[in-house]
C-alpha atoms as a PDB file:
ATOM      1  CA  UNK A   1      48.050 142.068  54.627  1.00  0.00           C
ATOM      2  CA  UNK A   2      44.292 141.734  54.177  1.00  0.00           C
ATOM      3  CA  UNK A   3      42.000 143.054  56.896  1.00  0.00           C
ATOM      4  CA  UNK A   4      40.329 139.684  57.422  1.00  0.00           C
ATOM      5  CA  UNK A   5      43.649 137.986  57.996  1.00  0.00           C
ATOM      6  CA  UNK A   6      44.664 140.522  60.698  1.00  0.00           C
ATOM      7  CA  UNK A   7      41.233 140.187  62.355  1.00  0.00           C
ATOM      8  CA  UNK A   8      41.305 136.402  62.216  1.00  0.00           C
ATOM      9  CA  UNK A   9      44.734 136.346  63.791  1.00  0.00           C
ATOM     10  CA  UNK A  10      43.640 138.629  66.617  1.00  0.00           C
ATOM     11  CA  UNK A  11      40.561 136.570  67.290  1.00  0.00           C
ATOM     12  CA  UNK A  12      42.426 133.276  67.196  1.00  0.00           C
ATOM     13  CA  UNK A  13      45.003 134.705  69.626  1.00  0.00           C
ATOM     14  CA  UNK A  14      42.245 135.720  72.038  1.00  0.00           C
ATOM     15  CA  UNK A  15      40.591 132.340  71.640  1.00  0.00           C
ATOM     16  CA  UNK A  16      43.883 130.653  72.509  1.00  0.00           C
ATOM     17  CA  UNK A  17      44.256 132.774  75.617  1.00  0.00           C
ATOM     18  CA  UNK A  18      40.689 132.058  76.810  1.00  0.00           C
ATOM     19  CA  UNK A  19      41.036 128.358  76.011  1.00  0.00           C
ATOM     20  CA  UNK A  20      44.336 128.181  77.936  1.00  0.00           C
ATOM     21  CA  UNK A  21      42.823 129.822  81.038  1.00  0.00           C
ATOM     22  CA  UNK A  22      39.771 127.542  81.043  1.00  0.00           C
ATOM     23  CA  UNK A  23      41.797 124.408  80.276  1.00  0.00           C
ATOM     24  CA  UNK A  24      44.310 125.179  83.012  1.00  0.00           C
ATOM     25  CA  UNK A  25      41.505 125.598  85.539  1.00  0.00           C
ATOM     26  CA  UNK A  26      39.828 122.394  84.428  1.00  0.00           C
ATOM     27  CA  UNK A  27      43.064 120.364  84.562  1.00  0.00           C
ATOM     28  CA  UNK A  28      43.904 121.698  87.992  1.00  0.00           C
ATOM     29  CA  UNK A  29      40.636 120.352  89.372  1.00  0.00           C
ATOM     30  CA  UNK A  30      41.128 116.935  87.755  1.00  0.00           C
ATOM     31  CA  UNK A  31      44.773 116.296  88.673  1.00  0.00           C
ATOM     32  CA  UNK A  32      45.077 118.051  92.052  1.00  0.00           C
ATOM     33  CA  UNK A  33      47.199 115.853  94.319  1.00  0.00           C
ATOM     34  CA  UNK A  34      45.584 115.832  97.765  1.00  0.00           C
ATOM     35  CA  UNK A  35      48.587 114.097  99.263  1.00  0.00           C
ATOM     36  CA  UNK A  36      51.224 116.719  98.357  1.00  0.00           C
ATOM     37  CA  UNK A  37      53.403 118.212 101.088  1.00  0.00           C
ATOM     38  CA  UNK A  38      52.517 121.553 102.498  1.00  0.00           C
ATOM     39  CA  UNK A  39      54.397 124.561 101.167  1.00  0.00           C
ATOM     40  CA  UNK A  40      56.483 126.263 103.791  1.00  0.00           C
ATOM     41  CA  UNK A  41      55.055 129.626 104.786  1.00  0.00           C
ATOM     42  CA  UNK A  42      57.015 132.634 103.669  1.00  0.00           C
ATOM     43  CA  UNK A  43      56.217 136.131 104.731  1.00  0.00           C
ATOM     44  CA  UNK A  44      55.605 138.540 101.877  1.00  0.00           C
ATOM     45  CA  UNK A  45      53.935 141.822 101.250  1.00  0.00           C
ATOM     46  CA  UNK A  46      50.532 142.150  99.603  1.00  0.00           C
ATOM     47  CA  UNK A  47      48.787 145.167  98.273  1.00  0.00           C
ATOM     48  CA  UNK A  48      45.373 146.112  99.624  1.00  0.00           C
ATOM     49  CA  UNK A  49      42.408 146.141  97.204  1.00  0.00           C
ATOM     50  CA  UNK A  50      38.909 147.434  97.274  1.00  0.00           C
ATOM     51  CA  UNK A  51      35.950 145.424  98.463  1.00  0.00           C
ATOM     52  CA  UNK A  52      34.477 145.502  94.939  1.00  0.00           C
ATOM     53  CA  UNK A  53      37.651 144.070  93.339  1.00  0.00           C
ATOM     54  CA  UNK A  54      37.876 141.343  95.985  1.00  0.00           C
ATOM     55  CA  UNK A  55      34.262 140.293  95.379  1.00  0.00           C
ATOM     56  CA  UNK A  56      34.771 140.354  91.592  1.00  0.00           C
ATOM     57  CA  UNK A  57      37.875 138.142  91.923  1.00  0.00           C
ATOM     58  CA  UNK A  58      35.869 135.708  94.079  1.00  0.00           C
ATOM     59  CA  UNK A  59      33.219 135.421  91.342  1.00  0.00           C
ATOM     60  CA  UNK A  60      35.832 134.773  88.684  1.00  0.00           C
ATOM     61  CA  UNK A  61      37.521 132.151  90.872  1.00  0.00           C
ATOM     62  CA  UNK A  62      34.217 130.332  91.260  1.00  0.00           C
ATOM     63  CA  UNK A  63      33.495 130.452  87.531  1.00  0.00           C
ATOM     64  CA  UNK A  64      36.965 129.402  86.421  1.00  0.00           C
ATOM     65  CA  UNK A  65      37.138 126.742  89.126  1.00  0.00           C
ATOM     66  CA  UNK A  66      33.967 124.915  88.085  1.00  0.00           C
ATOM     67  CA  UNK A  67      33.888 123.069  84.726  1.00  0.00           C
ATOM     68  CA  UNK A  68      30.079 122.633  85.164  1.00  0.00           C
ATOM     69  CA  UNK A  69      29.601 126.392  85.632  1.00  0.00           C
ATOM     70  CA  UNK A  70      31.823 127.261  82.632  1.00  0.00           C
ATOM     71  CA  UNK A  71      30.304 124.678  80.341  1.00  0.00           C
ATOM     72  CA  UNK A  72      26.643 125.360  81.080  1.00  0.00           C
ATOM     73  CA  UNK A  73      26.634 129.107  81.681  1.00  0.00           C
ATOM     74  CA  UNK A  74      29.475 130.321  79.508  1.00  0.00           C
ATOM     75  CA  UNK A  75      28.952 128.689  76.154  1.00  0.00           C
ATOM     76  CA  UNK A  76      28.109 132.020  74.604  1.00  0.00           C
ATOM     77  CA  UNK A  77      31.769 133.081  75.025  1.00  0.00           C
ATOM     78  CA  UNK A  78      33.082 130.305  72.757  1.00  0.00           C
ATOM     79  CA  UNK A  79      30.229 130.521  70.279  1.00  0.00           C
ATOM     80  CA  UNK A  80      30.592 134.305  69.752  1.00  0.00           C
ATOM     81  CA  UNK A  81      34.343 133.968  69.110  1.00  0.00           C
ATOM     82  CA  UNK A  82      33.790 130.986  66.736  1.00  0.00           C
ATOM     83  CA  UNK A  83      31.066 132.910  64.948  1.00  0.00           C
ATOM     84  CA  UNK A  84      33.327 135.906  64.510  1.00  0.00           C
ATOM     85  CA  UNK A  85      36.108 133.752  63.056  1.00  0.00           C
ATOM     86  CA  UNK A  86      33.786 131.954  60.683  1.00  0.00           C
ATOM     87  CA  UNK A  87      32.246 135.229  59.544  1.00  0.00           C
ATOM     88  CA  UNK A  88      35.600 136.737  58.618  1.00  0.00           C
ATOM     89  CA  UNK A  89      37.169 133.643  57.124  1.00  0.00           C
ATOM     90  CA  UNK A  90      34.063 132.874  55.086  1.00  0.00           C
ATOM     91  CA  UNK A  91      33.377 136.518  54.310  1.00  0.00           C
ATOM     92  CA  UNK A  92      32.787 135.961  50.570  1.00  0.00           C
ATOM     93  CA  UNK A  93      30.307 133.128  51.202  1.00  0.00           C
ATOM     94  CA  UNK A  94      28.439 135.105  53.918  1.00  0.00           C
ATOM     95  CA  UNK A  95      28.235 138.212  51.730  1.00  0.00           C
ATOM     96  CA  UNK A  96      26.917 136.168  48.822  1.00  0.00           C
ATOM     97  CA  UNK A  97      24.299 134.487  50.996  1.00  0.00           C
ATOM     98  CA  UNK A  98      23.175 137.768  52.564  1.00  0.00           C
ATOM     99  CA  UNK A  99      22.967 139.485  49.184  1.00  0.00           C
ATOM    100  CA  UNK A 100      20.879 136.642  47.779  1.00  0.00           C
ATOM    101  CA  UNK A 101      18.641 136.009  50.785  1.00  0.00           C
ATOM    102  CA  UNK A 102      17.826 139.640  51.613  1.00  0.00           C
ATOM    103  CA  UNK A 103      17.101 140.844  48.063  1.00  0.00           C
ATOM    104  CA  UNK A 104      14.488 143.571  48.504  1.00  0.00           C
ATOM    105  CA  UNK A 105      14.685 143.364  52.318  1.00  0.00           C
ATOM    106  CA  UNK A 106      18.106 144.913  52.840  1.00  0.00           C
ATOM    107  CA  UNK A 107      16.830 147.055  55.734  1.00  0.00           C
ATOM    108  CA  UNK A 108      16.272 143.906  57.789  1.00  0.00           C
ATOM    109  CA  UNK A 109      19.990 142.992  57.814  1.00  0.00           C
ATOM    110  CA  UNK A 110      20.865 145.109  60.951  1.00  0.00           C
ATOM    111  CA  UNK A 111      17.860 143.646  62.770  1.00  0.00           C
ATOM    112  CA  UNK A 112      18.894 140.111  61.945  1.00  0.00           C
ATOM    113  CA  UNK A 113      22.477 140.839  62.920  1.00  0.00           C
ATOM    114  CA  UNK A 114      21.392 142.302  66.279  1.00  0.00           C
ATOM    115  CA  UNK A 115      19.010 139.349  66.885  1.00  0.00           C
ATOM    116  CA  UNK A 116      21.656 136.756  66.084  1.00  0.00           C
ATOM    117  CA  UNK A 117      24.130 138.375  68.375  1.00  0.00           C
ATOM    118  CA  UNK A 118      21.530 138.499  71.148  1.00  0.00           C
ATOM    119  CA  UNK A 119      20.588 134.861  70.702  1.00  0.00           C
ATOM    120  CA  UNK A 120      24.199 133.778  71.243  1.00  0.00           C
ATOM    121  CA  UNK A 121      24.865 136.269  74.059  1.00  0.00           C
ATOM    122  CA  UNK A 122      21.781 134.977  75.919  1.00  0.00           C
ATOM    123  CA  UNK A 123      23.616 131.678  76.369  1.00  0.00           C
ATOM    124  CA  UNK A 124      25.820 133.444  78.911  1.00  0.00           C
ATOM    125  CA  UNK A 125      23.730 133.228  82.082  1.00  0.00           C
ATOM    126  CA  UNK A 126      26.332 133.269  84.853  1.00  0.00           C
ATOM    127  CA  UNK A 127      24.181 135.405  87.182  1.00  0.00           C
ATOM    128  CA  UNK A 128      21.215 133.015  87.008  1.00  0.00           C
ATOM    129  CA  UNK A 129      22.724 130.394  89.426  1.00  0.00           C
ATOM    130  CA  UNK A 130      25.247 132.719  91.094  1.00  0.00           C
ATOM    131  CA  UNK A 131      23.319 133.295  94.341  1.00  0.00           C
ATOM    132  CA  UNK A 132      22.358 129.645  94.686  1.00  0.00           C
ATOM    133  CA  UNK A 133      26.005 128.621  94.131  1.00  0.00           C
ATOM    134  CA  UNK A 134      26.909 130.361  97.419  1.00  0.00           C
ATOM    135  CA  UNK A 135      25.101 127.465  99.078  1.00  0.00           C
ATOM    136  CA  UNK A 136      25.688 126.908 102.718  1.00  0.00           C
ATOM    137  CA  UNK A 137      28.624 129.340 102.609  1.00  0.00           C
ATOM    138  CA  UNK A 138      26.356 132.311 102.040  1.00  0.00           C
ATOM    139  CA  UNK A 139      26.670 133.235 105.711  1.00  0.00           C
ATOM    140  CA  UNK A 140      30.325 134.104 105.156  1.00  0.00           C
ATOM    141  CA  UNK A 141      29.350 137.018 102.880  1.00  0.00           C
ATOM    142  CA  UNK A 142      26.550 138.032 105.276  1.00  0.00           C
ATOM    143  CA  UNK A 143      28.906 138.371 108.277  1.00  0.00           C
ATOM    144  CA  UNK A 144      31.591 140.208 106.388  1.00  0.00           C
ATOM    145  CA  UNK A 145      31.454 144.005 106.178  1.00  0.00           C
ATOM    146  CA  UNK A 146      30.001 143.708 102.703  1.00  0.00           C
ATOM    147  CA  UNK A 147      26.647 145.019 101.630  1.00  0.00           C
ATOM    148  CA  UNK A 148      24.198 142.958  99.600  1.00  0.00           C
ATOM    149  CA  UNK A 149      24.464 145.520  96.791  1.00  0.00           C
ATOM    150  CA  UNK A 150      28.220 145.077  96.580  1.00  0.00           C
ATOM    151  CA  UNK A 151      27.967 141.296  96.451  1.00  0.00           C
ATOM    152  CA  UNK A 152      25.211 141.360  93.786  1.00  0.00           C
ATOM    153  CA  UNK A 153      27.039 143.988  91.649  1.00  0.00           C
ATOM    154  CA  UNK A 154      30.136 141.741  91.555  1.00  0.00           C
ATOM    155  CA  UNK A 155      28.061 138.899  90.041  1.00  0.00           C
ATOM    156  CA  UNK A 156      26.662 141.250  87.399  1.00  0.00           C
ATOM    157  CA  UNK A 157      30.088 142.684  86.567  1.00  0.00           C
ATOM    158  CA  UNK A 158      31.553 139.227  86.003  1.00  0.00           C
ATOM    159  CA  UNK A 159      28.912 138.323  83.448  1.00  0.00           C
ATOM    160  CA  UNK A 160      29.245 141.683  81.689  1.00  0.00           C
ATOM    161  CA  UNK A 161      33.038 141.335  81.345  1.00  0.00           C
ATOM    162  CA  UNK A 162      32.770 137.782  80.053  1.00  0.00           C
ATOM    163  CA  UNK A 163      30.032 138.697  77.562  1.00  0.00           C
ATOM    164  CA  UNK A 164      30.896 142.196  76.335  1.00  0.00           C
ATOM    165  CA  UNK A 165      34.374 141.252  75.149  1.00  0.00           C
ATOM    166  CA  UNK A 166      33.439 138.362  72.816  1.00  0.00           C
ATOM    167  CA  UNK A 167      30.252 140.276  71.798  1.00  0.00           C
ATOM    168  CA  UNK A 168      32.469 143.199  70.690  1.00  0.00           C
ATOM    169  CA  UNK A 169      34.624 140.813  68.657  1.00  0.00           C
ATOM    170  CA  UNK A 170      31.549 139.312  66.959  1.00  0.00           C
ATOM    171  CA  UNK A 171      30.135 142.765  66.302  1.00  0.00           C
ATOM    172  CA  UNK A 172      33.346 143.879  64.705  1.00  0.00           C
ATOM    173  CA  UNK A 173      33.348 140.759  62.541  1.00  0.00           C
ATOM    174  CA  UNK A 174      29.787 141.526  61.417  1.00  0.00           C
ATOM    175  CA  UNK A 175      30.790 145.059  60.458  1.00  0.00           C
ATOM    176  CA  UNK A 176      33.809 143.898  58.480  1.00  0.00           C
ATOM    177  CA  UNK A 177      31.697 141.436  56.492  1.00  0.00           C
ATOM    178  CA  UNK A 178      28.373 143.268  56.191  1.00  0.00           C
ATOM    179  CA  UNK A 179      29.850 146.796  55.844  1.00  0.00           C
ATOM    180  CA  UNK A 180      26.810 148.556  57.320  1.00  0.00           C
ATOM    181  CA  UNK A 181      26.626 152.381  57.655  1.00  0.00           C
ATOM    182  CA  UNK A 182      28.144 153.750  60.843  1.00  0.00           C
ATOM    183  CA  UNK A 183      24.731 154.754  62.192  1.00  0.00           C
ATOM    184  CA  UNK A 184      23.383 151.228  61.795  1.00  0.00           C
ATOM    185  CA  UNK A 185      26.531 149.747  63.353  1.00  0.00           C
ATOM    186  CA  UNK A 186      26.146 152.051  66.359  1.00  0.00           C
ATOM    187  CA  UNK A 187      22.502 151.140  66.796  1.00  0.00           C
ATOM    188  CA  UNK A 188      23.255 147.417  66.629  1.00  0.00           C
ATOM    189  CA  UNK A 189      25.981 147.857  69.224  1.00  0.00           C
ATOM    190  CA  UNK A 190      23.729 149.929  71.475  1.00  0.00           C
ATOM    191  CA  UNK A 191      20.861 147.457  71.288  1.00  0.00           C
ATOM    192  CA  UNK A 192      23.268 144.530  71.905  1.00  0.00           C
ATOM    193  CA  UNK A 193      24.901 146.224  74.891  1.00  0.00           C
ATOM    194  CA  UNK A 194      21.500 146.965  76.394  1.00  0.00           C
ATOM    195  CA  UNK A 195      20.304 143.401  75.867  1.00  0.00           C
ATOM    196  CA  UNK A 196      23.460 141.892  77.459  1.00  0.00           C
ATOM    197  CA  UNK A 197      23.028 144.126  80.535  1.00  0.00           C
ATOM    198  CA  UNK A 198      19.343 143.319  80.668  1.00  0.00           C
ATOM    199  CA  UNK A 199      20.150 139.576  80.655  1.00  0.00           C
ATOM    200  CA  UNK A 200      22.687 139.901  83.469  1.00  0.00           C
ATOM    201  CA  UNK A 201      20.146 141.755  85.650  1.00  0.00           C
ATOM    202  CA  UNK A 202      17.286 139.489  84.607  1.00  0.00           C
ATOM    203  CA  UNK A 203      19.230 136.310  85.508  1.00  0.00           C
ATOM    204  CA  UNK A 204      20.170 137.664  88.895  1.00  0.00           C
ATOM    205  CA  UNK A 205      16.575 138.721  89.536  1.00  0.00           C
ATOM    206  CA  UNK A 206      15.298 135.273  88.754  1.00  0.00           C
ATOM    207  CA  UNK A 207      17.870 133.640  91.051  1.00  0.00           C
ATOM    208  CA  UNK A 208      16.891 135.943  93.901  1.00  0.00           C
ATOM    209  CA  UNK A 209      13.252 134.996  93.246  1.00  0.00           C
ATOM    210  CA  UNK A 210      14.013 131.246  93.086  1.00  0.00           C
ATOM    211  CA  UNK A 211      17.130 130.602  95.214  1.00  0.00           C
ATOM    212  CA  UNK A 212      18.307 127.130  96.130  1.00  0.00           C
ATOM    213  CA  UNK A 213      20.893 127.018  98.853  1.00  0.00           C
ATOM    214  CA  UNK A 214      20.386 123.397  99.987  1.00  0.00           C
ATOM    215  CA  UNK A 215      21.804 121.593  96.910  1.00  0.00           C
ATOM    216  CA  UNK A 216      24.093 118.612  97.294  1.00  0.00           C
ATOM    217  CA  UNK A 217      25.622 118.917  93.838  1.00  0.00           C
ATOM    218  CA  UNK A 218      26.402 122.195  92.067  1.00  0.00           C
ATOM    219  CA  UNK A 219      24.905 120.848  88.842  1.00  0.00           C
ATOM    220  CA  UNK A 220      21.451 121.294  90.427  1.00  0.00           C
ATOM    221  CA  UNK A 221      21.471 125.102  90.659  1.00  0.00           C
ATOM    222  CA  UNK A 222      23.405 125.317  87.378  1.00  0.00           C
ATOM    223  CA  UNK A 223      21.224 123.056  85.170  1.00  0.00           C
ATOM    224  CA  UNK A 224      18.077 122.189  87.045  1.00  0.00           C
ATOM    225  CA  UNK A 225      16.966 125.427  88.697  1.00  0.00           C
ATOM    226  CA  UNK A 226      13.890 127.452  87.824  1.00  0.00           C
ATOM    227  CA  UNK A 227      15.931 130.678  87.612  1.00  0.00           C
ATOM    228  CA  UNK A 228      18.329 129.333  85.002  1.00  0.00           C
ATOM    229  CA  UNK A 229      15.500 127.893  82.886  1.00  0.00           C
ATOM    230  CA  UNK A 230      13.479 131.108  82.935  1.00  0.00           C
ATOM    231  CA  UNK A 231      16.535 133.269  82.160  1.00  0.00           C
ATOM    232  CA  UNK A 232      17.753 131.208  79.177  1.00  0.00           C
ATOM    233  CA  UNK A 233      14.395 130.713  77.490  1.00  0.00           C
ATOM    234  CA  UNK A 234      13.154 134.114  78.656  1.00  0.00           C
ATOM    235  CA  UNK A 235      16.040 135.836  76.888  1.00  0.00           C
ATOM    236  CA  UNK A 236      15.271 134.060  73.630  1.00  0.00           C
ATOM    237  CA  UNK A 237      11.605 134.863  74.092  1.00  0.00           C
ATOM    238  CA  UNK A 238      12.419 138.529  74.407  1.00  0.00           C
ATOM    239  CA  UNK A 239      14.274 138.493  71.087  1.00  0.00           C
ATOM    240  CA  UNK A 240      11.369 136.696  69.380  1.00  0.00           C
ATOM    241  CA  UNK A 241       8.959 139.239  70.902  1.00  0.00           C
ATOM    242  CA  UNK A 242      11.075 142.137  69.572  1.00  0.00           C
ATOM    243  CA  UNK A 243      11.158 140.501  66.078  1.00  0.00           C
ATOM    244  CA  UNK A 244       7.393 140.176  66.188  1.00  0.00           C
ATOM    245  CA  UNK A 245       7.170 143.861  67.163  1.00  0.00           C
ATOM    246  CA  UNK A 246       9.094 144.873  64.075  1.00  0.00           C
ATOM    247  CA  UNK A 247       6.831 142.741  61.882  1.00  0.00           C
ATOM    248  CA  UNK A 248       3.788 144.592  63.234  1.00  0.00           C
ATOM    249  CA  UNK A 249       5.396 148.050  62.910  1.00  0.00           C
ATOM    250  CA  UNK A 250       7.419 147.546  59.739  1.00  0.00           C
ATOM    251  CA  UNK A 251       5.120 149.879  57.776  1.00  0.00           C
ATOM    252  CA  UNK A 252       5.488 152.624  60.379  1.00  0.00           C
ATOM    253  CA  UNK A 253       9.107 152.430  61.546  1.00  0.00           C
ATOM    254  CA  UNK A 254      12.327 151.946  59.600  1.00  0.00           C
ATOM    255  CA  UNK A 255      14.724 149.288  60.845  1.00  0.00           C
ATOM    256  CA  UNK A 256      17.134 151.897  62.195  1.00  0.00           C
ATOM    257  CA  UNK A 257      14.365 153.724  64.099  1.00  0.00           C
ATOM    258  CA  UNK A 258      13.032 150.443  65.394  1.00  0.00           C
ATOM    259  CA  UNK A 259      16.540 149.479  66.707  1.00  0.00           C
ATOM    260  CA  UNK A 260      16.696 152.850  68.437  1.00  0.00           C
ATOM    261  CA  UNK A 261      13.314 152.146  70.076  1.00  0.00           C
ATOM    262  CA  UNK A 262      14.530 148.697  71.138  1.00  0.00           C
ATOM    263  CA  UNK A 263      17.567 150.232  72.728  1.00  0.00           C
ATOM    264  CA  UNK A 264      15.372 152.728  74.587  1.00  0.00           C
ATOM    265  CA  UNK A 265      12.967 149.970  75.824  1.00  0.00           C
ATOM    266  CA  UNK A 266      15.893 147.858  77.023  1.00  0.00           C
ATOM    267  CA  UNK A 267      17.335 150.884  78.820  1.00  0.00           C
ATOM    268  CA  UNK A 268      14.074 151.422  80.686  1.00  0.00           C
ATOM    269  CA  UNK A 269      13.916 147.706  81.559  1.00  0.00           C
ATOM    270  CA  UNK A 270      17.509 147.800  82.764  1.00  0.00           C
ATOM    271  CA  UNK A 271      16.846 150.789  84.989  1.00  0.00           C
ATOM    272  CA  UNK A 272      13.825 149.065  86.522  1.00  0.00           C
ATOM    273  CA  UNK A 273      15.691 145.793  87.171  1.00  0.00           C
ATOM    274  CA  UNK A 274      18.753 147.610  88.523  1.00  0.00           C
ATOM    275  CA  UNK A 275      16.586 149.536  90.971  1.00  0.00           C
ATOM    276  CA  UNK A 276      14.956 146.321  92.133  1.00  0.00           C
ATOM    277  CA  UNK A 277      18.273 144.497  92.558  1.00  0.00           C
ATOM    278  CA  UNK A 278      19.861 147.369  94.524  1.00  0.00           C
ATOM    279  CA  UNK A 279      16.864 147.669  96.871  1.00  0.00           C
ATOM    280  CA  UNK A 280      14.563 144.698  97.364  1.00  0.00           C
ATOM    281  CA  UNK A 281      16.989 142.273  95.769  1.00  0.00           C
ATOM    282  CA  UNK A 282      19.782 143.286  98.122  1.00  0.00           C
ATOM    283  CA  UNK A 283      17.496 142.843 101.137  1.00  0.00           C
ATOM    284  CA  UNK A 284      16.503 139.371  99.948  1.00  0.00           C
ATOM    285  CA  UNK A 285      20.192 138.423  99.515  1.00  0.00           C
ATOM    286  CA  UNK A 286      21.094 139.682 103.037  1.00  0.00           C
ATOM    287  CA  UNK A 287      18.276 137.676 104.681  1.00  0.00           C
ATOM    288  CA  UNK A 288      18.526 134.374 102.823  1.00  0.00           C
END
């Protein structure tokens, strides 16, 4: 069996699982019967979990329980999986286009691949409205024996999980079709991973800077907040700025070396944002 057929089957299976989870959550909200009889209580044993896992589950419940949240802040999940499927199924067409379009500029292929992946991944901005979505219930977290750092890290972890998995699928699809050297593939993966982590931290930072806890409809912090706007367009602006940087340095640095520099710059930015979130950001969250 051809490689692309195996890959396409795996991706379609994952897509079906994700679609099933999201569709079930959406249907549950729409058809919940408020007049149903109460279920009789039955005593049963439950296993204790860590604070971090409980907070992470809470974030996933909020995301999967809100069609507005999923639709507006998780489009990157679907687009990355669709892009991976199209890449592999249309491998011959993509290869022909890349060969023709990048004649004489082959070294730009890994940069374009990394940039395209980043553009789609930037559409996942779950952390950007995550603090605001706590709304008037924020006090519940504040009175629980939970630190601000733990609550904020759960929000970051949720976005990373929901972005890294489809990004890995798309990255694998790119490698199957483009067949880049292992070093280039590793650099693309490293730069993409750094950018995704940067976006999760950046979105959370913007939400802490511009919180809105007095909304009357959740669509306000999800679609009409300053933090979400800055995060989405700011992520794309970062990619454009990095592309402009290569244009200016193309005679000095090779594409592989430039990707390594990008990964290093993103790592520095991530360390700075993470430090801010764990210190000043946590204090802001605890006093909102």
